[in-house]
Structures are given as structure tokens and as C-alpha cells.
Amino acid sequence: MTDAAMFRPQRTRWLFVALVVSLLFNAFFVGAAATDVIRLQRGEKRTLNFELRWLEERLAPEDFAKVESAVVGARQGAEGHVARLKELRQELGVLVAVSAPDLILIDAKLAEIRAEQQALVSELQDTVIGAVLALPPESRQALANGAR
């Protein structure tokens, strides 16, 4: 038996192992990408819809759709607040990463973050309540009675 014939099965085995490892890496990265996409979609929906949860079970579907469309219309303002929050958190990260953090600056940045969060929540609440108040009185009555 020649040397080449002895190494052929071993080389084939290594190629098979390399193929399996490559497939596992690809599956991992595809799964990670899919998870990120799902997480981002849920995060965006959660940001815009957290004020709607209490209405969904209490309003008729057509009334809820009207309120939901008003919230979707407020998306641009909400996205602006979310972008500003990301920016403020990045700035906070810089402040806390220094070797001797300045607690006064950190407290001021945290106050800015809280104010931006409050502005986001207030705008969404105002949008939701404005849309609810635009509904007929009998539709709004369902909110006082609990679930429909």
C-alpha cells in the first residue's frame, strides 16, 4: 500500500470534520442574526405599545384599532426620544468609564435620561388618551367596566 493511499481516508475525514464545523458556525451566526432581528422587532413594538396593553382587552377591536393607529402615527416622535436616550446612555457610559468618575456629572446625566424617558412616556400617554377621548362615550364606558 502506498503512502498516498494510507492518507486518503484520513484527509477525507478531516474534510468532513471541517465541513461540519463550518456548518455549525454558519448555523450559529444565522441563529444569532435571526434572534437580533426578532429582538429588535419586539423592542420597537414594545416601545410604542406599552401604553396600549390596558386598552386591548377593554375596547372593541375597531375602537382599539383607532387608538393603535394614533400611537403608530406618533412613532416618529417616539423614535426621536429613543435615539436621544441611546445618545444620553452613551454619554453616561463615557462618564462612568473614567478612572475618577465625577458623581455630580453622572447625577446630572441621569437626570437628563430620566427627563427624556418621562417626555417619551408623557407624549405616548397624551396620544393614547387623546385617541381614547375621540371615541364615542359608549366605547369609553367599556374602560370603566373592565374587560369587554
Protein backbone atom coordinates (compact mmCIF):
# COMPACT_ATOMS: atom_id res chain seq x y z
CA MET A 1 0.00 0.00 0.00
CA THR A 2 1.37 3.40 -0.93
CA ASP A 3 1.66 6.36 1.38
CA ALA A 4 -0.93 8.32 -0.62
CA ALA A 5 -3.48 5.54 -0.24
CA MET A 6 -2.96 5.48 3.56
CA PHE A 7 -3.55 9.23 3.95
CA ARG A 8 -6.61 9.47 1.67
CA PRO A 9 -9.17 8.24 4.31
CA GLN A 10 -7.62 10.50 6.94
CA ARG A 11 -7.75 13.52 4.60
CA THR A 12 -11.37 12.75 3.77
CA ARG A 13 -12.18 12.55 7.47
CA TRP A 14 -10.59 15.97 8.09
CA LEU A 15 -12.52 17.49 5.19
CA PHE A 16 -15.75 16.08 6.64
CA VAL A 17 -14.91 17.47 10.09
CA ALA A 18 -14.10 20.87 8.58
CA LEU A 19 -17.41 20.84 6.70
CA VAL A 20 -19.38 20.00 9.85
CA VAL A 21 -17.59 22.71 11.86
CA SER A 22 -18.26 25.24 9.09
CA LEU A 23 -21.95 24.32 9.03
CA LEU A 24 -22.16 24.68 12.82
CA PHE A 25 -20.58 28.13 12.69
CA ASN A 26 -22.94 29.20 9.92
CA ALA A 27 -25.96 27.89 11.84
CA PHE A 28 -24.79 29.76 14.94
CA PHE A 29 -24.41 33.06 13.11
CA VAL A 30 -27.71 32.70 11.24
CA GLY A 31 -29.43 31.95 14.56
CA ALA A 32 -27.79 34.95 16.21
CA ALA A 33 -28.84 37.22 13.36
CA ALA A 34 -32.41 35.92 13.46
CA THR A 35 -32.53 36.42 17.24
CA ASP A 36 -31.36 40.02 16.84
CA VAL A 37 -33.99 40.73 14.21
CA ILE A 38 -36.74 39.27 16.39
CA ARG A 39 -35.49 41.15 19.45
CA LEU A 40 -35.36 44.46 17.56
CA GLN A 41 -38.86 44.00 16.17
CA ARG A 42 -40.26 43.21 19.60
CA GLY A 43 -38.37 46.10 21.16
CA GLU A 44 -39.77 48.60 18.70
CA LYS A 45 -43.28 47.30 19.19
CA ARG A 46 -42.88 47.31 22.97
CA THR A 47 -41.70 50.92 22.98
CA LEU A 48 -44.74 52.09 21.07
CA ASN A 49 -47.37 49.80 22.57
CA PHE A 50 -46.74 49.70 26.30
CA GLU A 51 -49.50 52.26 26.80
CA LEU A 52 -51.94 50.16 24.78
CA ARG A 53 -51.84 46.98 26.88
CA TRP A 54 -54.57 48.04 29.29
CA LEU A 55 -56.86 49.06 26.41
CA GLU A 56 -56.57 45.97 24.25
CA GLU A 57 -58.83 43.79 26.40
CA ARG A 58 -61.27 46.56 27.27
CA LEU A 59 -62.08 48.16 23.92
CA ALA A 60 -63.87 46.70 20.94
CA PRO A 61 -61.43 45.70 18.18
CA GLU A 62 -62.44 48.57 15.87
CA ASP A 63 -62.05 51.12 18.70
CA PHE A 64 -58.73 49.66 19.73
CA ALA A 65 -57.56 49.85 16.09
CA LYS A 66 -58.28 53.60 16.09
CA VAL A 67 -56.23 54.15 19.23
CA GLU A 68 -53.45 51.92 17.96
CA SER A 69 -53.24 53.83 14.67
CA ALA A 70 -52.85 57.07 16.63
CA VAL A 71 -49.93 55.54 18.52
CA VAL A 72 -48.36 54.33 15.27
CA GLY A 73 -48.73 57.88 13.99
CA ALA A 74 -46.69 59.08 16.97
CA ARG A 75 -43.84 56.73 16.04
CA GLN A 76 -41.54 59.44 14.70
CA GLY A 77 -41.63 61.38 17.96
CA ALA A 78 -41.05 58.20 19.96
CA GLU A 79 -38.13 57.21 17.75
CA GLY A 80 -36.59 60.64 18.35
CA HIS A 81 -36.80 60.11 22.10
CA VAL A 82 -35.34 56.61 21.83
CA ALA A 83 -32.44 57.93 19.75
CA ARG A 84 -31.82 60.67 22.30
CA LEU A 85 -31.92 58.11 25.13
CA LYS A 86 -29.31 55.99 23.36
CA GLU A 87 -27.12 59.05 22.95
CA LEU A 88 -27.50 60.02 26.62
CA ARG A 89 -26.69 56.48 27.76
CA GLN A 90 -23.57 56.50 25.60
CA GLU A 91 -22.52 59.77 27.24
CA LEU A 92 -23.22 58.24 30.65
CA GLY A 93 -21.02 55.30 29.73
CA VAL A 94 -18.16 57.68 28.98
CA LEU A 95 -18.65 59.42 32.33
CA VAL A 96 -18.58 56.22 34.37
CA ALA A 97 -15.64 54.72 32.46
CA VAL A 98 -13.06 57.27 33.60
CA SER A 99 -10.70 56.33 36.40
CA ALA A 100 -12.07 59.02 38.75
CA PRO A 101 -15.78 59.44 37.92
CA ASP A 102 -17.41 62.78 38.69
CA LEU A 103 -20.57 61.92 40.61
CA ILE A 104 -22.09 65.35 40.04
CA LEU A 105 -21.82 64.98 36.26
CA ILE A 106 -23.15 61.41 36.47
CA ASP A 107 -26.15 62.57 38.53
CA ALA A 108 -26.82 65.34 36.02
CA LYS A 109 -26.67 62.87 33.11
CA LEU A 110 -29.03 60.51 34.95
CA ALA A 111 -31.43 63.42 35.44
CA GLU A 112 -31.30 64.09 31.68
CA ILE A 113 -32.04 60.42 30.99
CA ARG A 114 -34.99 60.44 33.40
CA ALA A 115 -36.35 63.64 31.82
CA GLU A 116 -36.11 62.13 28.32
CA GLN A 117 -37.83 58.94 29.48
CA GLN A 118 -40.57 61.00 31.08
CA ALA A 119 -41.02 63.02 27.89
CA LEU A 120 -41.36 59.79 25.88
CA VAL A 121 -43.94 58.34 28.26
CA SER A 122 -45.86 61.62 28.52
CA GLU A 123 -46.12 62.04 24.75
CA LEU A 124 -47.34 58.47 24.30
CA GLN A 125 -49.85 58.80 27.13
CA ASP A 126 -51.15 62.07 25.70
CA THR A 127 -51.53 60.42 22.29
CA VAL A 128 -53.36 57.42 23.74
CA ILE A 129 -55.69 59.47 25.91
CA GLY A 130 -56.39 61.88 23.05
CA ALA A 131 -57.35 58.95 20.82
CA VAL A 132 -59.50 57.41 23.58
CA LEU A 133 -61.29 60.71 24.17
CA ALA A 134 -62.07 60.87 20.44
CA LEU A 135 -64.04 57.61 20.75
CA PRO A 136 -67.81 57.74 21.34
CA PRO A 137 -68.89 57.77 25.01
CA GLU A 138 -70.31 54.24 24.85
CA SER A 139 -66.93 52.93 23.68
CA ARG A 140 -65.15 54.73 26.51
CA GLN A 141 -67.65 53.30 29.00
CA ALA A 142 -66.07 49.87 28.46
CA LEU A 143 -62.91 51.18 30.11
CA ALA A 144 -64.74 51.72 33.39
CA ASN A 145 -66.34 48.28 33.26
CA GLY A 146 -63.12 46.31 32.78
CA ALA A 147 -62.67 43.64 30.14
CA ARG A 148 -65.19 43.64 27.30
